[in-house]
Amino acid sequence: MPIELLKDHSVELSEFSVTSDAEIETILKQLCDGGAFVTLYAPGGHSYTTLLWAVDAERGVVCFSAESSDPQVSALLESEEVVCVGYLDSIKVQFDLQGLVMVRGGKNIALNASWPEVVYRFQRRGAFRVKPLHSATPAVQMRHPGAPDKPLELRILDISLGGIALFLPQDVPMIPAGTRIGRCVVELDADTRLDVSLHVHHVTVLNPESKGVRLGCEMLGLDGSSTRALQRYIDYTQKRRHALGHL
């Protein structure tokens, strides 16, 4: 899978490339230390969501946690082209994985790859996000994709014109990256209700006290009137936050 397939062809890759070893190490450590989930992609629609478990600049190795029984892991190991994609806030981080191998250490299994020569950082479209005011409790109503008979209401952490972050409590079955969820209702306030589908792009582990994870989702199916309503909500919320002295 050429790295160009995962980005907008209208821009030059060189604008977003990071080649300094020190900068690459900083980015990889942020992914690793932040507990952000990453997804490994290979041709043929194969993907595997996992954690960047360790980075070792001296040895020139990046290490991902893995389960040997997962068929997607086998597909990645057999592929000559594997790309890693993760997110740091509103920045998409992407790099090729060379020399991917499985390493066994006692009961632990890991995927090791060579240190990337280039890392790409892409600013996500519609990245200007607002957090709902504390006085409001906007949420998304949906059916859990793993249990369609289970109604689910998830609190909105922040929202932009194209994306939305939701809080998934730890007592709710995980919704992995790559999942598409249809027929969702985004209720922002009494006047703003949006009917959309969601595509979960990344899952981020929050601090232990939060007892849950952050689902970073793309909103699909917004028509013109819904987009305008969302823009009004974002503008109003931003103005109110400034008026109330919120950061």
Protein backbone atom coordinates (compact mmCIF):
# COMPACT_ATOMS: atom_id res chain seq x y z
CA MET A 1 0.00 0.00 0.00
CA PRO A 2 1.83 3.13 -1.13
CA ILE A 3 1.66 5.83 1.49
CA GLU A 4 0.03 8.18 -1.06
CA LEU A 5 -3.16 6.10 -0.94
CA LEU A 6 -3.84 7.30 2.60
CA LYS A 7 -3.73 11.03 1.92
CA ASP A 8 -5.05 13.80 -0.30
CA HIS A 9 -3.35 13.68 -3.71
CA SER A 10 -3.77 17.46 -4.10
CA VAL A 11 -0.86 18.19 -1.78
CA GLU A 12 2.82 17.34 -1.93
CA LEU A 13 4.03 14.77 0.57
CA SER A 14 7.24 16.71 1.17
CA GLU A 15 5.24 19.48 2.85
CA PHE A 16 4.28 17.09 5.63
CA SER A 17 7.38 14.92 5.93
CA VAL A 18 9.58 14.73 9.03
CA THR A 19 13.04 13.29 8.44
CA SER A 20 15.00 14.44 11.49
CA ASP A 21 15.76 11.47 13.76
CA ALA A 22 15.18 13.63 16.84
CA GLU A 23 11.78 14.84 15.61
CA ILE A 24 10.76 11.33 14.56
CA GLU A 25 11.69 10.03 18.00
CA THR A 26 9.62 12.77 19.67
CA ILE A 27 6.54 11.96 17.58
CA LEU A 28 6.82 8.22 18.16
CA LYS A 29 7.30 8.69 21.90
CA GLN A 30 4.19 10.88 22.02
CA LEU A 31 2.19 8.09 20.37
CA CYS A 32 3.71 5.52 22.70
CA ASP A 33 3.49 7.45 25.98
CA GLY A 34 0.00 8.78 25.21
CA GLY A 35 -1.45 5.30 24.84
CA ALA A 36 -3.02 6.27 21.51
CA PHE A 37 -4.23 3.37 19.41
CA VAL A 38 -2.69 3.03 15.96
CA THR A 39 -3.86 1.02 12.97
CA LEU A 40 -1.58 -1.02 10.72
CA TYR A 41 -2.79 -1.27 7.11
CA ALA A 42 -1.81 -3.66 4.32
CA PRO A 43 -3.13 -4.16 0.76
CA GLY A 44 -6.30 -6.18 0.36
CA GLY A 45 -8.22 -4.38 3.08
CA HIS A 46 -6.22 -5.88 5.94
CA SER A 47 -5.88 -3.78 9.10
CA TYR A 48 -5.00 -4.32 12.74
CA THR A 49 -5.57 -1.83 15.56
CA THR A 50 -3.06 -1.98 18.37
CA LEU A 51 -0.72 0.05 20.59
CA LEU A 52 2.75 1.33 19.83
CA TRP A 53 4.29 -0.47 22.78
CA ALA A 54 7.93 0.69 22.67
CA VAL A 55 10.34 2.79 20.61
CA ASP A 56 14.11 2.29 20.65
CA ALA A 57 16.03 4.85 18.61
CA GLU A 58 19.42 3.35 19.48
CA ARG A 59 18.46 -0.09 18.17
CA GLY A 60 16.37 1.40 15.39
CA VAL A 61 13.24 -0.54 16.32
CA VAL A 62 9.56 0.24 16.87
CA CYS A 63 7.47 -2.35 18.70
CA PHE A 64 3.71 -2.97 18.62
CA SER A 65 1.66 -5.20 20.89
CA ALA A 66 -0.04 -8.08 19.08
CA GLU A 67 -1.99 -11.32 19.36
CA SER A 68 -0.58 -14.19 17.29
CA SER A 69 -4.01 -15.80 16.91
CA ASP A 70 -5.47 -12.82 15.03
CA PRO A 71 -5.62 -13.58 11.27
CA GLN A 72 -5.02 -9.91 10.48
CA VAL A 73 -1.58 -10.18 12.10
CA SER A 74 -0.69 -13.05 9.78
CA ALA A 75 -1.84 -11.02 6.77
CA LEU A 76 0.35 -8.09 7.83
CA LEU A 77 3.40 -10.31 8.28
CA GLU A 78 2.93 -11.75 4.78
CA SER A 79 2.62 -8.31 3.18
CA GLU A 80 5.55 -6.38 1.76
CA GLU A 81 3.78 -3.04 2.27
CA VAL A 82 2.46 -2.01 5.69
CA VAL A 83 1.54 1.50 6.82
CA CYS A 84 0.99 2.68 10.39
CA VAL A 85 -1.57 5.44 11.03
CA GLY A 86 -2.26 7.14 14.36
CA TYR A 87 -3.51 10.46 15.71
CA LEU A 88 -2.09 13.07 18.05
CA ASP A 89 -5.02 15.39 18.77
CA SER A 90 -5.89 16.92 15.38
CA ILE A 91 -2.74 15.64 13.66
CA LYS A 92 -2.71 12.45 11.61
CA VAL A 93 0.63 10.63 11.92
CA GLN A 94 1.61 8.11 9.26
CA PHE A 95 4.70 6.09 8.36
CA ASP A 96 5.78 2.97 6.48
CA LEU A 97 6.78 -0.16 8.37
CA GLN A 98 9.75 -2.06 6.97
CA GLY A 99 10.93 -5.49 8.05
CA LEU A 100 7.85 -6.32 10.12
CA VAL A 101 8.43 -9.50 12.16
CA MET A 102 6.79 -11.26 15.09
CA VAL A 103 8.85 -11.51 18.28
CA ARG A 104 8.05 -13.86 21.15
CA GLY A 105 9.23 -13.26 24.70
CA GLY A 106 7.77 -15.71 27.18
CA LYS A 107 4.01 -15.25 27.04
CA ASN A 108 4.28 -11.89 25.30
CA ILE A 109 3.95 -11.37 21.55
CA ALA A 110 5.08 -8.25 19.71
CA LEU A 111 5.47 -6.94 16.17
CA ASN A 112 8.83 -5.29 15.55
CA ALA A 113 9.70 -3.08 12.58
CA SER A 114 12.65 -0.97 11.51
CA TRP A 115 12.87 2.66 12.58
CA PRO A 116 11.01 4.78 9.99
CA GLU A 117 13.12 7.04 7.81
CA VAL A 118 10.20 9.42 7.26
CA VAL A 119 7.11 10.25 9.31
CA TYR A 120 4.23 12.26 7.82
CA ARG A 121 2.04 14.65 9.78
CA PHE A 122 -1.25 15.77 8.22
CA GLN A 123 -3.52 18.40 9.73
CA ARG A 124 -6.99 16.93 9.63
CA ARG A 125 -9.69 18.81 7.76
CA GLY A 126 -12.22 20.61 9.91
CA ALA A 127 -9.83 20.33 12.84
CA PHE A 128 -11.20 23.41 14.63
CA ARG A 129 -13.03 21.80 17.53
CA VAL A 130 -15.10 23.08 20.41
CA LYS A 131 -15.86 21.43 23.72
CA PRO A 132 -19.49 21.61 24.87
CA LEU A 133 -20.23 24.01 27.71
CA HIS A 134 -20.37 22.48 31.18
CA SER A 135 -24.02 23.54 31.46
CA ALA A 136 -24.93 21.38 28.46
CA THR A 137 -24.82 17.60 28.10
CA PRO A 138 -24.83 16.88 24.35
CA ALA A 139 -24.75 13.22 23.40
CA VAL A 140 -25.05 10.81 20.50
CA GLN A 141 -27.75 8.16 20.46
CA MET A 142 -27.04 4.96 18.54
CA ARG A 143 -27.17 1.19 18.59
CA HIS A 144 -24.00 -0.57 19.67
CA PRO A 145 -22.52 -2.12 16.47
CA GLY A 146 -21.67 -5.29 18.37
CA ALA A 147 -25.12 -5.56 19.94
CA PRO A 148 -27.78 -3.91 17.72
CA ASP A 149 -30.48 -4.52 20.33
CA LYS A 150 -28.55 -2.39 22.85
CA PRO A 151 -29.43 1.34 22.75
CA LEU A 152 -26.42 3.48 23.54
CA GLU A 153 -26.00 7.14 24.47
CA LEU A 154 -22.44 8.47 24.45
CA ARG A 155 -21.34 11.85 25.79
CA ILE A 156 -19.75 14.25 23.30
CA LEU A 157 -16.25 15.40 24.29
CA ASP A 158 -15.70 17.79 21.39
CA ILE A 159 -16.97 18.41 17.88
CA SER A 160 -15.91 20.06 14.62
CA LEU A 161 -17.52 20.43 11.20
CA GLY A 162 -16.32 16.99 10.17
CA GLY A 163 -15.44 15.10 13.31
CA ILE A 164 -16.69 14.25 16.75
CA ALA A 165 -15.10 12.74 19.85
CA LEU A 166 -17.19 10.52 22.12
CA PHE A 167 -16.61 9.08 25.57
CA LEU A 168 -17.03 5.30 25.73
CA PRO A 169 -17.27 4.09 29.37
CA GLN A 170 -15.16 1.09 30.32
CA ASP A 171 -18.26 -0.97 31.18
CA VAL A 172 -19.48 -0.76 27.57
CA PRO A 173 -18.07 -3.24 25.00
CA MET A 174 -15.25 -1.73 22.95
CA ILE A 175 -15.97 -0.19 19.55
CA PRO A 176 -12.74 -0.65 17.57
CA ALA A 177 -11.20 1.73 15.06
CA GLY A 178 -12.50 1.15 11.55
CA THR A 179 -16.09 0.54 12.70
CA ARG A 180 -18.92 2.26 10.83
CA ILE A 181 -22.08 2.99 12.78
CA GLY A 182 -25.25 3.93 10.92
CA ARG A 183 -28.36 5.80 12.05
CA CYS A 184 -26.81 7.92 14.79
CA VAL A 185 -28.52 10.98 16.26
CA VAL A 186 -26.29 13.83 17.43
CA GLU A 187 -28.19 15.97 19.94
CA LEU A 188 -26.22 19.14 20.65
CA ASP A 189 -28.98 21.28 22.12
CA ALA A 190 -32.73 21.80 21.86
CA ASP A 191 -32.35 23.34 18.40
CA THR A 192 -29.54 21.23 16.92
CA ARG A 193 -30.20 17.58 16.13
CA LEU A 194 -28.22 15.83 13.38
CA ASP A 195 -28.86 12.47 11.73
CA VAL A 196 -25.51 11.00 10.68
CA SER A 197 -23.42 7.87 10.33
CA LEU A 198 -20.12 7.60 12.18
CA HIS A 199 -16.79 6.13 11.14
CA VAL A 200 -14.53 5.44 14.12
CA HIS A 201 -11.01 6.44 13.09
CA HIS A 202 -9.12 6.08 16.34
CA VAL A 203 -9.51 5.02 19.96
CA THR A 204 -7.46 6.74 22.67
CA VAL A 205 -6.97 5.53 26.21
CA LEU A 206 -7.73 8.33 28.68
CA ASN A 207 -6.31 8.65 32.17
CA PRO A 208 -7.28 5.83 34.59
CA GLU A 209 -9.58 8.11 36.59
CA SER A 210 -11.79 8.69 33.55
CA LYS A 211 -12.76 4.99 33.36
CA GLY A 212 -13.22 4.99 29.61
CA VAL A 213 -11.75 5.72 26.17
CA ARG A 214 -12.09 8.47 23.59
CA LEU A 215 -13.59 7.55 20.21
CA GLY A 216 -12.45 9.88 17.43
CA CYS A 217 -15.08 9.68 14.69
CA GLU A 218 -15.81 11.15 11.29
CA MET A 219 -19.40 12.25 10.71
CA LEU A 220 -20.88 11.05 7.43
CA GLY A 221 -24.07 12.07 5.67
CA LEU A 222 -24.29 15.71 6.74
CA ASP A 223 -26.42 17.65 4.26
CA GLY A 224 -26.28 21.40 3.67
CA SER A 225 -28.81 22.38 6.33
CA SER A 226 -27.20 20.11 8.93
CA THR A 227 -23.76 21.54 8.17
CA ARG A 228 -25.08 25.09 8.60
CA ALA A 229 -26.78 24.15 11.87
CA LEU A 230 -23.54 22.59 13.12
CA GLN A 231 -21.56 25.69 12.13
CA ARG A 232 -24.00 27.88 14.07
CA TYR A 233 -23.62 25.63 17.12
CA ILE A 234 -19.81 25.75 16.92
CA ASP A 235 -19.80 29.55 16.52
CA TYR A 236 -22.24 30.03 19.40
CA THR A 237 -20.37 27.65 21.71
CA GLN A 238 -17.05 29.30 20.95
CA LYS A 239 -18.46 32.77 21.67
CA ARG A 240 -20.04 31.57 24.92
CA ARG A 241 -16.80 29.96 26.07
CA HIS A 242 -14.93 33.21 25.47
CA ALA A 243 -17.64 35.20 27.27
CA LEU A 244 -17.50 32.86 30.26
CA GLY A 245 -13.72 32.90 30.34
CA HIS A 246 -13.21 29.26 29.29
CA LEU A 247 -9.94 28.28 27.67
